[in-house]
Amino acid sequence: MTTYVITIPGTFLRELDDSARSTLVRHLRPADPRHTSLGRAEDLDVLTVNDNGTFSVRLEVEADDSHGAEEIARRAATAALREAGYTEDEAPTGPAAVTGIDTEF
């Protein structure tokens, strides 16, 4: 298994209030990329929200390959958004991308 950092972009079409943000981050926290050496070195946040409503979710996941890692991260992000009260129509996401690989040899 390899540890991947996966970034998923999206857009909040409804404002993200403090309560929803807290819920979202709490549900994403187990996959916080700061647990990896790459995440610490790059000072990666689990959630970045811009003034225009666009956002990026960065998650650390373990998988056999990058495709599997992207799928695991997408499911985790979708579930966290749902827990925060956002449907896929209210917070659509773009394609997941591998933004880091943390392996130990």
Protein backbone atom coordinates (compact mmCIF):
# COMPACT_ATOMS: atom_id res chain seq x y z
CA MET A 1 0.00 0.00 0.00
CA THR A 2 1.10 3.53 -0.77
CA THR A 3 0.03 6.76 0.90
CA TYR A 4 -1.32 9.32 -1.56
CA VAL A 5 -2.34 12.94 -1.11
CA ILE A 6 -5.38 13.54 -3.31
CA THR A 7 -6.78 16.97 -4.13
CA ILE A 8 -10.42 17.39 -5.09
CA PRO A 9 -11.55 20.82 -6.34
CA GLY A 10 -15.10 22.07 -6.09
CA THR A 11 -17.41 25.04 -5.79
CA PHE A 12 -19.86 25.90 -3.04
CA LEU A 13 -22.98 27.20 -4.76
CA ARG A 14 -24.44 27.96 -1.33
CA GLU A 15 -22.44 29.87 1.27
CA LEU A 16 -20.35 27.79 3.66
CA ASP A 17 -21.23 29.01 7.15
CA ASP A 18 -19.07 28.40 10.25
CA SER A 19 -21.17 25.48 11.47
CA ALA A 20 -21.08 23.67 8.13
CA ARG A 21 -17.35 24.34 7.81
CA SER A 22 -16.72 22.89 11.27
CA THR A 23 -18.75 19.78 10.44
CA LEU A 24 -17.01 19.35 7.10
CA VAL A 25 -13.51 19.67 8.57
CA ARG A 26 -14.38 17.32 11.45
CA HIS A 27 -15.44 14.62 8.96
CA LEU A 28 -12.36 15.18 6.79
CA ARG A 29 -9.90 15.30 9.70
CA PRO A 30 -9.10 11.55 9.80
CA ALA A 31 -7.63 11.91 6.29
CA ASP A 32 -5.75 15.18 7.00
CA PRO A 33 -2.64 15.25 4.77
CA ARG A 34 -0.60 16.86 7.56
CA HIS A 35 -0.12 13.30 8.84
CA THR A 36 2.29 12.67 5.95
CA SER A 37 5.82 14.04 5.64
CA LEU A 38 4.74 15.66 2.35
CA GLY A 39 1.73 17.30 4.02
CA ARG A 40 3.86 18.68 6.84
CA ALA A 41 6.57 19.89 4.46
CA GLU A 42 4.08 21.58 2.15
CA ASP A 43 1.82 22.80 5.01
CA LEU A 44 -1.23 21.31 3.31
CA ASP A 45 -4.66 22.10 4.74
CA VAL A 46 -7.42 19.54 4.56
CA LEU A 47 -9.81 22.27 3.27
CA THR A 48 -9.10 25.54 1.48
CA VAL A 49 -12.02 27.83 0.60
CA ASN A 50 -11.57 30.88 -1.62
CA ASP A 51 -13.62 34.09 -1.56
CA ASN A 52 -15.42 33.11 -4.77
CA GLY A 53 -16.73 29.85 -3.26
CA THR A 54 -14.26 27.54 -4.93
CA PHE A 55 -12.59 25.04 -2.65
CA SER A 56 -10.00 22.31 -2.52
CA VAL A 57 -10.14 19.24 -0.31
CA ARG A 58 -6.79 17.52 0.27
CA LEU A 59 -6.91 14.02 1.71
CA GLU A 60 -4.35 11.41 2.68
CA VAL A 61 -5.43 7.93 1.66
CA GLU A 62 -3.77 4.55 1.41
CA ALA A 63 -4.33 2.50 -1.70
CA ASP A 64 -2.65 0.06 -4.06
CA ASP A 65 -2.66 2.55 -6.94
CA SER A 66 -3.53 6.13 -7.80
CA HIS A 67 -6.91 5.27 -9.31
CA GLY A 68 -7.96 3.50 -6.11
CA ALA A 69 -6.68 6.43 -4.05
CA GLU A 70 -8.73 8.90 -6.08
CA GLU A 71 -11.88 6.80 -5.61
CA ILE A 72 -11.36 6.49 -1.84
CA ALA A 73 -10.76 10.24 -1.53
CA ARG A 74 -13.81 11.11 -3.65
CA ARG A 75 -16.06 8.92 -1.49
CA ALA A 76 -14.67 10.48 1.70
CA ALA A 77 -15.09 14.03 0.40
CA THR A 78 -18.63 13.39 -0.86
CA ALA A 79 -19.64 11.84 2.47
CA ALA A 80 -18.14 14.76 4.44
CA LEU A 81 -19.93 17.30 2.24
CA ARG A 82 -23.19 15.41 2.73
CA GLU A 83 -22.68 15.41 6.54
CA ALA A 84 -22.13 19.19 6.34
CA GLY A 85 -25.49 19.55 4.58
CA TYR A 86 -24.37 19.90 0.95
CA THR A 87 -25.81 17.92 -1.93
CA GLU A 88 -23.73 17.25 -5.03
CA ASP A 89 -25.72 20.03 -6.76
CA GLU A 90 -24.86 22.55 -4.00
CA ALA A 91 -21.15 21.67 -3.90
CA PRO A 92 -20.15 20.08 -7.21
CA THR A 93 -16.64 18.68 -7.36
CA GLY A 94 -14.17 18.34 -10.19
CA PRO A 95 -11.81 15.52 -11.04
CA ALA A 96 -9.63 14.19 -8.24
CA ALA A 97 -5.87 14.41 -8.77
CA VAL A 98 -2.84 12.89 -7.10
CA THR A 99 -0.85 15.80 -5.66
CA GLY A 100 1.60 13.77 -3.63
CA ILE A 101 2.88 10.30 -2.93
CA ASP A 102 4.47 9.45 0.40
CA THR A 103 6.32 6.14 0.41
CA GLU A 104 8.97 4.71 2.65
CA PHE A 105 11.68 2.54 1.18
